[in-house]
Amino acid sequence: MSELPEVLMPLADAVAKAEIVAATQRWLERAVIGLNLCPFAKSVHVKKQIRYAVSAASDADALLAELDTSSRYSPTPTRSNSIPHC
């Protein structure tokens, strides 16, 4: 299996990237987990099984390319690492 690239178009500003990831994690904790919108979210969050990737993609085509690349490198789920989707 190939190593997962972070993103095709990485965000150059490391501080901005960290702020974006932190804001996303707060949203996950407060909205998704806090409002119980996804019953599986808390366990994968606590186990640190969520991958956060920040892209500098600035249009729909570039973002779709990022998603396509990410999906090609995702590990094949097994019984032990399968993560349910909400």
C-alpha atoms as a PDB file:
ATOM      1  CA  MET A   1       0.000   0.000   0.000  1.00  0.00           C
ATOM      2  CA  SER A   2       1.303   3.459  -0.893  1.00  0.00           C
ATOM      3  CA  GLU A   3       1.908   6.043   1.778  1.00  0.00           C
ATOM      4  CA  LEU A   4      -0.888   8.588   2.044  1.00  0.00           C
ATOM      5  CA  PRO A   5       0.231  12.009   0.816  1.00  0.00           C
ATOM      6  CA  GLU A   6      -0.909  14.831   3.081  1.00  0.00           C
ATOM      7  CA  VAL A   7      -2.561  16.759   0.237  1.00  0.00           C
ATOM      8  CA  LEU A   8      -1.794  17.652  -3.380  1.00  0.00           C
ATOM      9  CA  MET A   9      -1.911  21.388  -2.649  1.00  0.00           C
ATOM     10  CA  PRO A  10      -0.724  21.893   0.937  1.00  0.00           C
ATOM     11  CA  LEU A  11      -1.453  25.101   2.781  1.00  0.00           C
ATOM     12  CA  ALA A  12       1.892  26.886   3.164  1.00  0.00           C
ATOM     13  CA  ASP A  13       1.013  28.719   6.399  1.00  0.00           C
ATOM     14  CA  ALA A  14       1.586  26.227   9.236  1.00  0.00           C
ATOM     15  CA  VAL A  15      -0.101  28.502  11.805  1.00  0.00           C
ATOM     16  CA  ALA A  16      -3.230  28.849   9.665  1.00  0.00           C
ATOM     17  CA  LYS A  17      -3.258  25.092   9.090  1.00  0.00           C
ATOM     18  CA  ALA A  18      -3.106  24.421  12.845  1.00  0.00           C
ATOM     19  CA  GLU A  19      -5.911  26.943  13.460  1.00  0.00           C
ATOM     20  CA  ILE A  20      -8.091  25.310  10.803  1.00  0.00           C
ATOM     21  CA  VAL A  21      -7.565  21.836  12.267  1.00  0.00           C
ATOM     22  CA  ALA A  22      -8.244  23.119  15.804  1.00  0.00           C
ATOM     23  CA  ALA A  23     -11.465  24.862  14.673  1.00  0.00           C
ATOM     24  CA  THR A  24     -12.589  21.681  12.907  1.00  0.00           C
ATOM     25  CA  GLN A  25     -11.898  19.608  16.015  1.00  0.00           C
ATOM     26  CA  ARG A  26     -13.872  22.078  18.179  1.00  0.00           C
ATOM     27  CA  TRP A  27     -16.791  21.870  15.727  1.00  0.00           C
ATOM     28  CA  LEU A  28     -16.619  18.068  15.839  1.00  0.00           C
ATOM     29  CA  GLU A  29     -16.600  18.052  19.641  1.00  0.00           C
ATOM     30  CA  ARG A  30     -19.318  20.677  20.110  1.00  0.00           C
ATOM     31  CA  ALA A  31     -21.672  19.981  17.227  1.00  0.00           C
ATOM     32  CA  VAL A  32     -21.237  16.444  15.954  1.00  0.00           C
ATOM     33  CA  ILE A  33     -20.347  14.779  19.273  1.00  0.00           C
ATOM     34  CA  GLY A  34     -22.004  17.285  21.609  1.00  0.00           C
ATOM     35  CA  LEU A  35     -25.349  17.102  19.787  1.00  0.00           C
ATOM     36  CA  ASN A  36     -24.928  13.352  19.177  1.00  0.00           C
ATOM     37  CA  LEU A  37     -25.351  13.848  15.423  1.00  0.00           C
ATOM     38  CA  CYS A  38     -23.222  10.768  14.793  1.00  0.00           C
ATOM     39  CA  PRO A  39     -23.142   8.038  17.441  1.00  0.00           C
ATOM     40  CA  PHE A  40     -19.781   6.752  16.113  1.00  0.00           C
ATOM     41  CA  ALA A  41     -17.917  10.076  16.141  1.00  0.00           C
ATOM     42  CA  LYS A  42     -16.882  10.140  19.793  1.00  0.00           C
ATOM     43  CA  SER A  43     -15.108   6.796  19.809  1.00  0.00           C
ATOM     44  CA  VAL A  44     -13.030   7.482  16.679  1.00  0.00           C
ATOM     45  CA  HIS A  45     -12.250  11.005  17.925  1.00  0.00           C
ATOM     46  CA  VAL A  46     -11.078   9.752  21.331  1.00  0.00           C
ATOM     47  CA  LYS A  47      -8.983   7.024  19.672  1.00  0.00           C
ATOM     48  CA  LYS A  48      -7.461   9.647  17.319  1.00  0.00           C
ATOM     49  CA  GLN A  49      -8.585   7.712  14.244  1.00  0.00           C
ATOM     50  CA  ILE A  50      -9.678  10.806  12.329  1.00  0.00           C
ATOM     51  CA  ARG A  51      -7.314  12.169   9.687  1.00  0.00           C
ATOM     52  CA  TYR A  52      -7.392  15.946   9.235  1.00  0.00           C
ATOM     53  CA  ALA A  53      -6.017  17.319   5.973  1.00  0.00           C
ATOM     54  CA  VAL A  54      -5.908  21.020   5.062  1.00  0.00           C
ATOM     55  CA  SER A  55      -5.703  21.890   1.389  1.00  0.00           C
ATOM     56  CA  ALA A  56      -5.024  25.132  -0.434  1.00  0.00           C
ATOM     57  CA  ALA A  57      -7.397  24.045  -3.217  1.00  0.00           C
ATOM     58  CA  SER A  58      -9.256  27.130  -4.357  1.00  0.00           C
ATOM     59  CA  ASP A  59     -11.876  25.729  -6.709  1.00  0.00           C
ATOM     60  CA  ALA A  60     -14.163  22.731  -7.027  1.00  0.00           C
ATOM     61  CA  ASP A  61     -11.972  20.877  -9.533  1.00  0.00           C
ATOM     62  CA  ALA A  62      -8.867  21.155  -7.344  1.00  0.00           C
ATOM     63  CA  LEU A  63     -10.824  20.028  -4.285  1.00  0.00           C
ATOM     64  CA  LEU A  64     -12.262  17.051  -6.163  1.00  0.00           C
ATOM     65  CA  ALA A  65      -8.717  16.091  -7.208  1.00  0.00           C
ATOM     66  CA  GLU A  66      -7.699  16.217  -3.519  1.00  0.00           C
ATOM     67  CA  LEU A  67     -10.616  13.979  -2.518  1.00  0.00           C
ATOM     68  CA  ASP A  68      -9.922  11.568  -5.375  1.00  0.00           C
ATOM     69  CA  THR A  69      -6.248  11.262  -4.400  1.00  0.00           C
ATOM     70  CA  SER A  70      -7.110  10.801  -0.735  1.00  0.00           C
ATOM     71  CA  SER A  71      -9.631   8.072  -1.525  1.00  0.00           C
ATOM     72  CA  ARG A  72      -7.069   6.175  -3.622  1.00  0.00           C
ATOM     73  CA  TYR A  73      -4.613   6.031  -0.726  1.00  0.00           C
ATOM     74  CA  SER A  74      -7.084   5.202   2.031  1.00  0.00           C
ATOM     75  CA  PRO A  75      -6.326   1.926   3.758  1.00  0.00           C
ATOM     76  CA  THR A  76      -8.614  -0.947   2.943  1.00  0.00           C
ATOM     77  CA  PRO A  77     -10.929  -1.388   5.930  1.00  0.00           C
ATOM     78  CA  THR A  78     -10.584  -4.582   7.893  1.00  0.00           C
ATOM     79  CA  ARG A  79     -12.697  -5.830  10.725  1.00  0.00           C
ATOM     80  CA  SER A  80     -10.258  -4.278  13.219  1.00  0.00           C
ATOM     81  CA  ASN A  81      -9.859  -0.859  11.600  1.00  0.00           C
ATOM     82  CA  SER A  82     -13.212  -0.321   9.941  1.00  0.00           C
ATOM     83  CA  ILE A  83     -14.704   3.036  10.911  1.00  0.00           C
ATOM     84  CA  PRO A  84     -18.493   3.439  10.609  1.00  0.00           C
ATOM     85  CA  HIS A  85     -19.874   6.435   8.741  1.00  0.00           C
ATOM     86  CA  CYS A  86     -22.744   8.635   9.875  1.00  0.00           C
END
